[in-house]
Protein backbone atom coordinates (compact mmCIF):
# COMPACT_ATOMS: atom_id res chain seq x y z
CA MET A 1 78.34 -13.57 26.10
CA LYS A 2 79.26 -11.61 29.18
CA ASP A 3 82.07 -9.07 29.07
CA TYR A 4 85.46 -10.61 30.08
CA PRO A 5 86.37 -10.09 33.69
CA LEU A 6 88.78 -7.39 34.84
CA ILE A 7 91.70 -7.44 37.20
CA LYS A 8 91.56 -4.35 39.43
CA THR A 9 94.41 -3.18 41.65
CA LYS A 10 95.10 0.05 43.39
CA ASP A 11 96.65 1.51 40.27
CA TYR A 12 95.34 -0.49 37.30
CA THR A 13 92.13 -2.01 35.87
CA GLU A 14 92.83 -4.38 32.96
CA LYS A 15 90.80 -6.89 31.00
CA LEU A 16 91.77 -10.56 31.49
CA ILE A 17 92.32 -12.61 28.34
CA ASP A 18 93.55 -16.16 27.74
CA ILE A 19 91.42 -17.45 30.61
CA ILE A 20 90.03 -21.00 30.51
CA ASP A 21 87.74 -23.11 32.66
CA PHE A 22 85.99 -20.07 34.06
CA GLN A 23 83.21 -21.07 36.48
CA GLU A 24 80.87 -19.00 38.64
CA SER A 25 79.24 -20.97 41.45
CA TRP A 26 76.73 -19.87 44.08
CA THR A 27 74.93 -21.63 46.91
CA LYS A 28 72.22 -19.90 48.88
CA ASN A 29 73.46 -18.32 52.11
CA GLU A 30 76.71 -20.24 51.89
CA SER A 31 79.12 -19.31 49.09
CA TRP A 32 79.63 -17.28 45.91
CA GLN A 33 82.88 -17.54 44.07
CA ILE A 34 84.59 -17.70 40.72
CA THR A 35 87.42 -19.99 39.60
CA PHE A 36 89.49 -19.94 36.45
CA LYS A 37 92.88 -20.63 34.95
CA ILE A 38 94.94 -18.05 33.04
CA ILE A 39 97.70 -19.01 30.67
CA GLN A 40 100.67 -16.65 30.48
CA SER A 41 101.44 -15.28 27.02
CA ASP A 42 103.10 -12.35 25.31
CA PHE A 43 99.69 -10.71 25.05
CA ASN A 44 98.73 -10.77 28.75
CA ALA A 45 102.08 -10.57 30.55
CA PHE A 46 101.16 -7.27 32.30
CA GLU A 47 97.71 -8.48 33.43
CA PHE A 48 99.19 -11.85 34.41
CA ALA A 49 101.59 -10.14 36.77
CA LEU A 50 98.72 -8.20 38.40
CA ILE A 51 96.95 -11.36 39.51
CA GLU A 52 97.95 -11.78 43.14
CA ASN A 53 96.18 -12.70 46.42
CA GLU A 54 93.74 -10.06 47.72
CA GLU A 55 93.50 -8.25 44.39
CA ILE A 56 90.02 -7.76 42.86
CA VAL A 57 88.53 -9.54 39.88
CA VAL A 58 85.48 -7.72 38.53
CA TYR A 59 82.99 -10.13 36.96
CA ASP A 60 79.45 -9.19 35.89
CA ARG A 61 79.87 -5.89 37.79
CA GLU A 62 80.60 -7.71 41.05
CA ASP A 63 83.90 -7.70 42.94
CA PHE A 64 85.55 -11.00 43.80
CA VAL A 65 88.68 -11.10 46.01
CA ILE A 66 91.42 -13.47 45.03
CA LYS A 67 92.03 -15.90 47.89
CA SER A 68 94.11 -18.52 46.11
CA ALA A 69 96.52 -17.98 43.24
CA ASP A 70 98.36 -21.26 42.62
CA ILE A 71 101.26 -20.98 40.14
CA VAL A 72 101.42 -23.68 37.50
CA GLU A 73 104.88 -24.54 36.20
CA ASN A 74 106.05 -26.79 33.35
CA GLU A 75 108.65 -29.45 33.59
CA ASN A 76 111.40 -26.82 33.17
CA SER A 77 110.12 -24.92 36.20
CA THR A 78 108.92 -22.10 33.98
CA ILE A 79 105.72 -20.39 34.98
CA VAL A 80 103.00 -21.07 32.44
CA GLY A 81 99.82 -20.18 34.27
CA LYS A 82 97.87 -19.54 37.43
CA GLU A 83 94.86 -21.24 38.92
CA ILE A 84 92.58 -18.73 40.72
CA ILE A 85 89.90 -18.90 43.33
CA ALA A 86 88.18 -15.64 44.18
CA THR A 87 85.31 -15.24 46.67
CA HIS A 88 82.68 -12.49 46.55
CA VAL A 89 83.76 -9.33 48.40
CA MET A 90 80.84 -9.85 50.77
CA TYR A 91 82.84 -12.51 52.61
CA ASP A 92 85.56 -10.07 53.51
CA ILE A 93 83.16 -8.73 56.13
CA GLN A 94 84.60 -11.54 58.25
CA GLY A 95 87.32 -8.97 59.06
CA TYR A 96 84.87 -7.09 61.29
CA VAL A 97 84.11 -8.53 64.77
CA GLN A 98 81.34 -7.34 67.11
CA GLU A 99 83.11 -7.83 70.41
CA ASP A 100 80.33 -6.34 72.59
CA THR A 101 77.43 -8.34 73.95
CA GLN A 102 73.88 -7.18 74.59
CA GLU A 103 73.29 -9.03 77.85
CA GLY A 104 70.04 -10.82 78.59
CA THR A 105 67.12 -11.89 76.44
CA LYS A 106 65.90 -9.09 74.22
CA THR A 107 63.51 -8.60 71.31
CA TYR A 108 65.00 -7.56 67.98
CA THR A 109 63.72 -6.44 64.62
CA ILE A 110 65.95 -7.35 61.70
CA ALA A 111 66.97 -3.69 61.50
CA SER A 112 67.93 -3.45 65.19
CA ALA A 113 69.88 -6.73 65.00
CA LEU A 114 71.79 -5.55 61.91
CA ASN A 115 72.49 -2.16 63.47
CA PHE A 116 74.03 -3.84 66.51
CA LEU A 117 75.91 -6.58 64.77
CA LEU A 118 77.21 -4.69 61.70
CA GLY A 119 76.30 -1.05 62.18
CA SER A 120 79.75 0.03 63.41
CA ASN A 121 81.71 -1.96 60.85
CA HIS A 122 84.75 -0.04 59.48
CA LEU A 123 84.90 -1.92 56.17
CA GLY A 124 82.22 0.08 54.32
CA TYR A 125 79.42 -2.54 54.29
CA THR A 126 75.80 -1.39 54.24
CA TRP A 127 72.57 -3.27 53.82
CA ALA A 128 68.97 -3.11 52.63
CA VAL A 129 66.00 -5.04 53.96
CA HIS A 130 63.24 -6.24 51.59
CA GLY A 131 60.01 -7.44 53.11
CA ASN A 132 58.29 -7.43 56.45
CA PHE A 133 60.26 -9.61 58.85
CA SER A 134 58.85 -10.72 62.17
CA SER A 135 60.74 -9.75 65.32
CA ILE A 136 62.69 -12.43 67.22
CA THR A 137 63.97 -12.91 70.74
CA SER A 138 67.66 -13.65 71.31
CA GLU A 139 69.86 -14.04 74.32
CA ASN A 140 73.29 -12.37 74.73
CA LEU A 141 73.55 -11.15 71.14
CA GLY A 142 77.06 -10.48 69.87
CA GLY A 143 80.09 -11.59 71.85
CA ASP A 144 82.92 -11.87 69.35
CA MET A 145 80.73 -12.62 66.30
CA ASP A 146 82.50 -11.83 63.06
CA GLY A 147 80.69 -10.39 60.07
CA VAL A 148 80.06 -13.64 58.30
CA GLU A 149 78.72 -15.23 61.52
CA SER A 150 76.43 -12.18 61.96
CA ILE A 151 75.04 -12.58 58.45
CA SER A 152 74.43 -16.29 59.12
CA PHE A 153 72.63 -15.44 62.38
CA ILE A 154 70.38 -12.96 60.60
CA CYS A 155 69.52 -15.45 57.82
CA GLU A 156 68.93 -18.32 60.27
CA ARG A 157 66.85 -16.51 62.89
CA PHE A 158 64.84 -14.16 60.65
CA GLY A 159 64.41 -16.64 57.77
CA ALA A 160 66.29 -14.38 55.39
CA VAL A 161 68.35 -14.86 52.20
CA CYS A 162 71.34 -12.63 51.76
CA VAL A 163 72.27 -11.62 48.17
CA PRO A 164 74.94 -8.93 48.02
CA GLN A 165 75.64 -6.31 45.39
CA ASN A 166 79.33 -5.78 46.12
CA LYS A 167 79.38 -4.27 49.64
CA VAL A 168 75.58 -3.72 49.84
CA LEU A 169 73.98 -6.70 51.56
CA HIS A 170 70.36 -7.26 50.51
CA PHE A 171 68.24 -9.30 52.87
CA TYR A 172 65.06 -10.91 51.45
CA LEU A 173 62.29 -12.91 53.13
CA GLU A 174 62.87 -16.55 52.22
CA SER A 175 59.31 -16.74 51.01
CA GLU A 176 59.68 -13.67 48.79
CA PHE A 177 63.18 -14.28 47.54
CA GLY A 178 63.55 -14.70 43.78
CA GLU A 179 61.02 -14.55 40.96
CA VAL A 180 58.18 -16.96 40.40
CA THR A 181 58.57 -17.97 36.72
CA GLN A 182 56.47 -20.01 34.31
CA ASN A 183 59.43 -22.32 33.60
CA GLN A 184 58.86 -26.07 33.74
CA PHE A 185 61.10 -29.03 33.52
CA LYS A 186 60.88 -30.93 30.21
CA GLU A 187 63.42 -33.66 29.76
CA GLY A 188 64.95 -33.59 26.28
CA TYR A 189 63.59 -30.12 25.55
CA ASN A 190 65.39 -27.73 27.95
CA VAL A 191 67.18 -30.07 30.36
CA ARG A 192 69.32 -33.16 30.24
CA ASN A 193 71.33 -35.29 32.68
CA THR A 194 68.63 -34.59 35.19
CA LYS A 195 68.85 -36.22 38.55
CA LEU A 196 65.46 -36.05 40.23
CA SER A 197 65.04 -37.03 43.82
CA ILE A 198 61.63 -37.27 45.47
CA SER A 199 61.57 -38.31 49.08
CA THR A 200 58.88 -38.56 51.70
CA LEU A 201 61.40 -39.78 54.29
CA ASN A 202 61.28 -36.40 56.05
CA LEU A 203 57.66 -35.60 55.22
CA LYS A 204 55.84 -34.42 58.36
CA THR A 205 52.58 -32.51 58.69
CA ALA A 206 52.68 -31.37 62.30
CA ILE A 207 55.30 -29.97 64.68
CA ARG A 208 55.43 -28.76 68.22
CA GLY A 209 57.70 -25.99 69.60
CA TYR A 210 59.02 -25.33 73.11
CA GLY A 211 60.43 -21.91 73.89
CA LYS A 212 62.37 -20.37 76.74
CA LYS A 213 62.09 -22.06 80.08
CA VAL A 214 60.99 -20.22 83.21
CA ASP A 215 64.13 -18.94 84.85
CA VAL A 216 62.59 -17.94 88.21
CA THR A 217 61.76 -20.03 91.27
CA ASP A 218 58.13 -18.93 91.64
CA ILE A 219 54.96 -18.83 89.59
CA PHE A 220 51.78 -16.77 89.60
CA SER A 221 49.10 -18.34 91.72
CA LYS A 222 45.84 -16.39 91.87
CA TYR A 223 44.07 -13.11 92.36
CA THR A 224 42.27 -12.65 95.66
CA ALA A 225 40.53 -10.12 97.93
CA LEU A 226 42.43 -9.66 101.25
CA ALA A 227 41.38 -7.73 104.38
CA ILE A 228 42.65 -4.15 104.18
CA GLU A 229 43.50 -2.11 107.28
CA ARG A 230 43.46 1.69 106.65
CA ALA A 231 45.48 4.28 108.55
CA GLY A 232 45.25 8.06 108.20
CA ALA A 233 42.65 10.87 108.54
CA GLY A 234 41.85 11.41 104.88
CA TRP A 235 40.07 8.19 103.97
CA VAL A 236 36.59 8.70 102.39
CA LEU A 237 34.17 6.55 100.42
CA LYS A 238 33.73 7.81 96.86
CA ASN A 239 31.63 6.02 94.25
CA GLY A 240 31.99 2.79 96.24
CA TYR A 241 35.81 2.93 96.54
CA TRP A 242 37.90 3.83 99.60
CA THR A 243 39.86 6.92 98.56
CA ALA A 244 42.98 8.42 100.30
CA THR A 245 42.74 12.24 100.18
CA LYS A 246 45.68 13.25 102.37
CA ILE A 247 49.41 12.66 102.01
CA ASN A 248 50.58 9.73 104.23
CA ASP A 249 47.15 8.01 104.17
CA ALA A 250 48.02 4.31 103.98
CA PHE A 251 46.55 0.85 103.87
CA LYS A 252 47.99 -2.41 105.14
CA PHE A 253 47.43 -6.13 104.43
CA SER A 254 49.26 -9.45 104.70
CA PHE A 255 49.72 -12.27 102.22
CA SER A 256 51.36 -15.69 102.04
CA GLY A 257 53.58 -16.57 99.11
CA THR A 258 56.73 -15.58 97.21
CA GLY A 259 55.57 -12.43 95.39
CA LEU A 260 52.92 -9.78 94.77
CA ARG A 261 51.20 -8.07 91.88
CA VAL A 262 48.20 -5.74 92.10
CA LYS A 263 45.52 -4.30 89.87
CA MET A 264 45.91 -0.61 90.74
CA LEU A 265 43.24 2.00 89.95
CA GLN A 266 44.50 5.11 88.15
CA THR A 267 42.33 8.26 88.21
CA LYS A 268 42.34 11.88 87.09
CA LEU A 269 43.59 13.08 90.47
CA GLY A 270 45.88 10.11 91.14
CA GLY A 271 49.17 10.60 93.05
CA LYS A 272 52.18 8.49 93.89
CA TRP A 273 51.89 5.33 95.97
CA THR A 274 54.78 3.56 97.70
CA PHE A 275 54.60 -0.17 98.48
CA LYS A 276 56.83 -1.48 101.28
CA ILE A 277 57.00 -5.26 101.94
CA ASP A 278 58.27 -6.37 105.32
CA GLY A 279 59.65 -2.93 105.92
CA THR A 280 62.48 -3.47 103.36
CA HIS A 281 61.31 -4.09 99.74
CA THR A 282 59.86 -0.92 98.23
CA LYS A 283 58.28 0.09 94.93
CA GLN A 284 56.73 3.42 93.95
CA VAL A 285 53.83 3.46 91.40
CA SER A 286 51.62 6.12 89.91
CA GLY A 287 47.88 6.35 90.40
CA TYR A 288 47.45 8.99 87.62
CA SER A 289 45.36 8.28 84.52
CA SER A 290 46.27 10.63 81.64
CA SER A 291 42.98 9.93 79.91
CA GLY A 292 41.02 11.27 82.90
CA ALA A 293 39.00 8.06 83.11
CA THR A 294 39.37 5.62 85.92
CA VAL A 295 41.42 2.64 84.61
CA GLU A 296 42.95 -0.52 86.03
CA LYS A 297 46.67 -1.16 85.55
CA LEU A 298 48.57 -4.28 86.46
CA ILE A 299 51.58 -3.56 88.63
CA GLU A 300 54.29 -6.13 89.40
CA VAL A 301 55.35 -5.23 92.95
CA LYS A 302 57.83 -7.89 93.96
CA ARG A 303 58.58 -11.60 93.41
CA GLY A 304 61.22 -14.08 94.44
CA LEU A 305 60.53 -13.56 98.14
CA GLU A 306 60.91 -16.23 100.78
CA ASN A 307 57.82 -18.47 100.86
CA LYS A 308 56.16 -17.21 104.06
CA THR A 309 53.65 -14.61 105.28
CA HIS A 310 54.56 -11.00 104.39
CA THR A 311 53.24 -7.62 105.54
CA VAL A 312 52.56 -4.89 102.97
CA VAL A 313 52.13 -1.16 103.71
CA CYS A 314 51.04 1.07 100.82
CA THR A 315 51.28 4.82 101.39
CA LEU A 316 50.07 7.84 99.34
CA VAL A 317 53.36 9.79 99.42
CA SER A 318 53.13 12.68 96.95
CA ARG A 319 51.66 14.29 93.88
CA ASP A 320 52.53 12.84 90.46
CA GLY A 321 54.73 15.38 88.70
CA ASP A 322 53.15 14.39 85.34
CA ASN A 323 49.62 15.11 86.65
CA PRO A 324 48.54 18.65 85.72
CA ASN A 325 45.30 18.22 87.70
CA THR A 326 46.96 18.23 91.13
CA LYS A 327 48.98 21.43 90.98
CA TYR A 328 49.29 23.19 94.33
CA PRO A 329 47.04 23.67 96.27
CA LYS A 330 45.04 20.78 94.77
CA LEU A 331 45.90 17.57 96.67
CA PRO A 332 46.26 14.21 94.96
CA GLU A 333 44.13 11.22 95.70
CA GLY A 334 44.59 7.50 95.80
CA VAL A 335 41.85 5.04 95.07
CA VAL A 336 41.93 1.45 96.41
CA ASN A 337 40.48 -1.26 94.15
CA THR A 338 37.85 -3.77 95.30
CA GLY A 339 37.29 -7.44 94.65
CA ASP A 340 40.03 -9.85 93.59
CA TRP A 341 42.74 -7.26 92.85
CA ILE A 342 45.69 -8.66 94.77
CA GLY A 343 47.71 -11.25 92.84
CA LEU A 344 49.94 -13.76 94.62
CA TYR A 345 52.96 -15.78 93.55
CA ARG A 346 53.89 -19.14 94.98
CA ALA A 347 56.96 -21.41 94.81
CA HIS A 348 57.30 -23.80 91.89
CA ASP A 349 56.31 -27.42 92.37
CA GLY A 350 56.77 -30.45 90.10
CA THR A 351 53.49 -29.94 88.27
CA ASP A 352 54.04 -26.36 87.15
CA GLN A 353 54.62 -25.15 83.60
CA VAL A 354 58.32 -24.94 82.95
CA TYR A 355 58.11 -22.69 79.85
CA LEU A 356 57.25 -19.03 79.49
CA PHE A 357 54.37 -19.92 77.18
CA ASP A 358 52.55 -23.18 76.52
CA PRO A 359 54.11 -25.33 73.79
CA ILE A 360 52.92 -24.33 70.30
CA THR A 361 51.48 -26.95 67.99
CA TYR A 362 51.29 -26.26 64.25
CA ILE A 363 49.39 -28.63 61.90
CA SER A 364 49.95 -28.06 58.22
CA PRO A 365 47.08 -27.66 55.74
CA ASN A 366 48.73 -30.55 53.91
CA ALA A 367 47.91 -32.93 56.75
CA SER A 368 44.75 -34.09 54.98
CA LEU A 369 46.78 -35.32 51.97
CA TRP A 370 48.94 -37.84 53.83
CA ASN A 371 48.59 -40.72 56.31
CA GLY A 372 44.82 -40.77 56.01
CA GLY A 373 44.63 -37.26 57.37
CA VAL A 374 46.31 -38.21 60.68
CA PRO A 375 49.07 -35.67 61.48
CA ILE A 376 52.67 -36.96 61.20
CA TYR A 377 54.76 -35.15 63.79
CA GLN A 378 58.25 -33.79 63.08
CA LYS A 379 60.90 -33.66 65.85
CA PRO A 380 59.94 -30.78 68.11
CA VAL A 381 61.72 -27.46 68.03
CA ARG A 382 63.32 -26.54 71.33
CA ASP A 383 64.70 -23.01 71.34
CA ASP A 384 65.53 -21.54 74.76
CA VAL A 385 65.92 -18.01 73.40
CA ILE A 386 62.39 -17.72 72.04
CA SER A 387 60.08 -16.08 74.59
CA ASN A 388 57.34 -15.00 72.15
CA PRO A 389 54.76 -17.51 70.89
CA THR A 390 54.34 -15.68 67.56
CA THR A 391 58.12 -16.03 66.96
CA MET A 392 57.88 -19.70 67.75
CA ARG A 393 54.91 -20.27 65.42
CA ASN A 394 56.75 -18.58 62.56
CA LYS A 395 59.78 -20.78 63.17
CA LEU A 396 57.59 -23.89 63.18
CA ILE A 397 56.03 -23.00 59.82
CA SER A 398 59.45 -22.35 58.22
CA THR A 399 60.92 -25.53 59.73
CA LEU A 400 58.17 -28.08 58.94
CA GLN A 401 58.81 -30.18 55.81
CA ASP A 402 55.15 -30.62 54.89
CA ALA A 403 55.68 -31.61 51.25
CA PRO A 404 57.81 -34.33 49.73
CA GLU A 405 61.43 -33.20 49.39
CA ILE A 406 62.27 -32.63 45.73
CA SER A 407 65.81 -31.99 44.60
CA LEU A 408 66.65 -31.56 40.97
CA ALA A 409 70.19 -31.26 39.60
CA THR A 410 70.27 -30.72 35.87
CA ASP A 411 72.12 -29.27 32.91
CA LEU A 412 70.15 -26.56 31.16
CA ILE A 413 70.42 -27.09 27.37
CA ASP A 414 68.68 -23.82 26.61
CA ASP A 415 71.13 -21.65 28.54
CA GLU A 416 68.88 -18.67 28.93
CA GLU A 417 69.56 -16.27 31.80
CA PHE A 418 68.28 -17.40 35.18
CA TYR A 419 68.63 -15.81 38.61
CA LYS A 420 69.17 -16.74 42.23
CA GLY A 421 65.99 -17.92 43.87
CA ASP A 422 63.97 -18.34 40.63
CA THR A 423 61.01 -20.62 41.14
CA TRP A 424 60.22 -23.35 38.58
CA ASN A 425 57.39 -25.88 38.55
CA TYR A 426 57.44 -29.61 38.97
CA SER A 427 54.30 -31.84 38.97
CA SER A 428 53.55 -35.47 38.66
CA ASN A 429 50.28 -37.32 38.85
CA THR A 430 51.93 -40.61 39.69
CA THR A 431 53.74 -39.23 42.74
CA LYS A 432 50.99 -36.96 43.96
CA VAL A 433 53.45 -34.09 43.77
CA ASP A 434 52.64 -30.68 42.39
CA THR A 435 54.99 -28.14 43.81
CA GLU A 436 57.30 -25.24 43.18
CA VAL A 437 61.05 -25.54 43.54
CA LYS A 438 63.60 -22.79 43.92
CA ILE A 439 67.11 -22.37 42.57
CA VAL A 440 69.30 -22.84 45.60
CA GLY A 441 72.57 -23.24 43.80
CA TYR A 442 74.21 -23.16 40.38
CA SER A 443 77.41 -23.32 38.38
CA LYS A 444 77.76 -21.24 35.23
CA TYR A 445 80.40 -21.31 32.43
CA PRO A 446 79.84 -17.97 30.72
CA TYR A 447 82.88 -18.17 28.38
CA ASP A 448 82.57 -21.82 27.30
CA SER A 449 79.75 -22.56 24.83
CA GLN A 450 80.44 -26.30 25.12
CA LYS A 451 79.40 -26.44 28.77
CA ASN A 452 75.87 -26.09 30.02
CA SER A 453 74.93 -24.47 33.29
CA GLU A 454 74.32 -26.77 36.19
CA VAL A 455 71.40 -25.83 38.38
CA VAL A 456 70.20 -27.24 41.73
CA PHE A 457 66.53 -26.74 42.67
CA SER A 458 65.01 -27.75 46.00
CA ASN A 459 61.89 -27.30 48.09
CA ALA A 460 63.54 -28.74 51.18
CA ARG A 461 63.08 -26.61 54.29
CA LYS A 462 66.63 -27.31 55.34
CA ALA A 463 69.12 -27.47 52.47
CA MET A 464 72.64 -28.86 52.97
CA SER A 465 74.02 -25.36 53.16
CA ASP A 466 71.78 -24.64 56.18
CA ILE A 467 72.93 -27.89 57.82
CA GLN A 468 76.53 -26.87 57.35
CA GLN A 469 75.80 -23.53 58.94
CA ASP A 470 74.33 -25.36 61.93
CA ILE A 471 77.51 -27.41 62.27
CA ARG A 472 79.70 -24.33 62.13
CA ARG A 473 77.54 -22.50 64.62
CA ALA A 474 77.56 -25.52 67.00
CA THR A 475 81.34 -25.70 66.73
CA LYS A 476 81.69 -22.08 67.57
CA GLU A 477 79.40 -22.40 70.57
CA ALA A 478 81.47 -25.29 71.84
CA GLN A 479 84.61 -23.20 71.48
CA LYS A 480 83.01 -20.39 73.46
CA ALA A 481 81.94 -22.79 76.18
CA PHE A 482 85.52 -23.94 76.79
CA LYS A 483 86.50 -20.35 77.64
CA ASN A 484 84.63 -20.68 80.90
CA ILE A 485 85.66 -23.98 82.47
CA GLY A 486 83.82 -23.22 85.73
CA LYS A 487 80.57 -23.11 83.82
CA THR A 488 81.17 -25.95 81.41
CA VAL A 489 82.74 -28.80 83.41
CA ILE A 490 79.46 -30.64 83.01
CA GLU A 491 78.76 -29.51 79.48
CA SER A 492 82.22 -30.46 78.15
CA ILE A 493 82.31 -34.09 79.26
CA PRO A 494 83.67 -36.18 76.33
CA ALA A 495 81.67 -38.77 74.48
CA GLU A 496 83.24 -41.67 76.38
CA ILE A 497 81.60 -40.53 79.59
CA LYS A 498 78.30 -39.67 77.97
CA ASP A 499 78.14 -43.07 76.29
CA SER A 500 79.06 -44.96 79.47
CA SER A 501 76.54 -43.25 81.68
CA ALA A 502 74.04 -40.45 81.87
CA SER A 503 75.22 -39.47 85.34
CA PHE A 504 78.50 -38.48 86.92
CA ILE A 505 78.32 -41.10 89.67
CA GLU A 506 78.21 -43.89 87.06
CA ALA A 507 80.94 -42.43 84.84
CA LYS A 508 83.52 -45.13 85.58
CA SER A 509 85.32 -45.53 82.27
CA ALA A 510 86.81 -42.09 81.39
CA ASN A 511 88.75 -39.19 82.76
CA VAL A 512 88.73 -35.54 81.78
CA GLU A 513 92.01 -33.92 82.64
CA PHE A 514 92.61 -30.18 82.84
CA THR A 515 96.27 -29.47 81.98
CA GLU A 516 98.27 -26.40 80.98
CA SER A 517 97.53 -27.33 77.35
CA GLY A 518 93.78 -27.40 77.91
CA ILE A 519 91.24 -30.14 78.42
CA GLN A 520 92.43 -33.65 77.49
CA THR A 521 91.07 -37.14 77.67
CA SER A 522 94.28 -39.06 77.50
CA LYS A 523 96.06 -40.22 80.63
CA GLN A 524 98.68 -37.74 81.92
CA GLU A 525 101.59 -38.81 84.09
CA SER A 526 102.99 -35.35 84.89
CA ALA A 527 102.39 -33.48 88.12
CA ASN A 528 99.77 -30.81 88.74
CA VAL A 529 97.10 -32.47 86.62
CA VAL A 530 93.45 -31.81 87.44
CA LYS A 531 91.35 -34.93 86.73
CA PHE A 532 87.68 -35.79 86.57
CA GLY A 533 86.50 -39.33 86.70
CA ASN A 534 84.53 -41.84 88.79
CA GLY A 535 82.49 -39.02 90.25
CA VAL A 536 85.55 -37.24 91.71
CA ILE A 537 87.63 -34.24 90.67
CA SER A 538 91.18 -34.43 92.01
CA VAL A 539 94.60 -32.80 91.85
CA ASP A 540 97.42 -35.38 91.75
CA ASP A 541 95.10 -37.92 93.34
CA GLU A 542 94.30 -35.62 96.32
CA VAL A 543 90.53 -35.35 96.45
CA LEU A 544 89.32 -31.87 95.55
CA ILE A 545 85.65 -32.50 94.75
CA ASP A 546 83.55 -35.55 95.46
CA GLU A 547 79.94 -36.25 96.24
CA ASN A 548 80.29 -34.51 99.61
CA GLY A 549 81.38 -31.13 98.09
CA ILE A 550 84.65 -29.28 97.68
CA ASN A 551 87.47 -29.76 100.17
CA LEU A 552 89.87 -26.81 99.76
CA ASN A 553 91.87 -27.71 102.86
CA LYS A 554 93.81 -30.42 101.07
CA VAL A 555 94.93 -28.07 98.39
CA HIS A 556 95.10 -24.61 99.88
CA GLY A 557 95.23 -25.25 103.61
CA THR A 558 92.93 -23.35 105.94
CA LEU A 559 90.02 -21.63 104.26
CA PRO A 560 90.14 -17.74 104.32
CA GLU A 561 87.76 -15.97 106.63
CA GLY A 562 84.38 -15.52 105.08
CA SER A 563 84.75 -18.47 102.69
CA GLN A 564 81.69 -20.56 102.04
CA ASN A 565 81.25 -24.24 101.22
CA ILE A 566 80.64 -25.00 97.54
CA ILE A 567 78.56 -28.07 96.76
CA LEU A 568 78.88 -30.08 93.56
CA ASN A 569 75.37 -31.06 92.37
CA PHE A 570 75.27 -34.24 90.33
CA VAL A 571 72.69 -34.44 87.56
CA LYS A 572 71.25 -37.48 85.80
CA GLU A 573 71.30 -36.07 82.30
CA VAL A 574 74.15 -34.26 80.57
């Protein structure tokens, strides 16, 4: 039997006695807590008085913080006991909030993400990473994420399981979490009251993933060879390439499109080139090769230009300060490539790829076992923060439920020690199932020999705890969205409008009203109410926005000098 728990305060550490109904419960990546009742007696009066909210209960060398201490009274209003709920100290990391945001889409290792999200926490939490995690891409990381939300983010995006040892957070790869045991389920021998669920309802053997969408208005078109016009007295032919040998030697060409990239040649004597497009857009690049060999380097010069014909002048302007081979008086050189070395961008049209990389399709090795070998497709993954195809492939593999879902809830008769994430075996010839299942949750009763431990095993890719995290995360994102009404008028339309129509113009049956109390959908009769309905936004029935745009005259009078019209674009899907 385990040692009895301790109550630990600032000044005292005492053993708890006269406790009943003690239960430890854990659910992967969701909760870890203890509950118990303590009866007041002459033998534990001092310890009983120490049990208060936010004090520490030490159980199995782990700290649990009392979050609920309900007092139990008898019919004479005399205190007879307390009912305690204490959560693992890990969850107090919620008291740290990362308020900063790393703007834009960036690539993170698990270490760099943890360092940003939790590295400056003032509560004494540290962490250890076990296993080789793949990098991920994420957009606008941080932004008022508290510590628990940060841990949930790490577990979700990196496929990690977090198991703390007091304030040290251990992150394991999902695939490597826990021990693979030789234990098997034998009804009547080591388990009873077993509820076994085998479901192929969610069995799928293939999945497709769509990553981040292209967020620019143009797309690469082709490489080509354009006519080059040289200017300057230093041009010579060397080894079949036109080479600029004097400062201010330049070449000129024209192209039609929205942007430019070039395959520049870098050489041992290379200097600095400056590109100037239409006399305004400039970029300086180096023609120096540190290896000494002549190499080709791709240079993105400019994109997002107006779709028309542009003139480019490229000038050899100086030595490269990093090039030791062109110290004074040795002059730099610039070599011009030949063939199809000029790359052009063009404007998007309706047939262009809308994602940064082609959709990834993953077919499981288990596909041959089901549906006559014909792949069964799971709902696609669409993640607009993934810009790396490897990251997407890893997510598809971890998401696909390519084996029947098996869930076992059982009482262990032989109450030998077991651990979080332990893998047991289940097989059946009749159901074509032979698979391993992991402990994803349990309840233990260490001080009651009459109660058997309850264990939950599952091989489901997405357990209920993960689904609950998704719900919490979606709720938080919705709350964030409402902070910026200008951005989320469209996103925040209530269900009534979405159900009645997929477009604003057809939304005839509901109003969204912006009041001093926030966004409401009930009819308001007071003044100064901003309303949205029937394709029109209005203030006190004076039209502010309709299909023709925004009319500020009716609300604010004459527009200030320099003001511009703002047009409301209606979309067909919300």
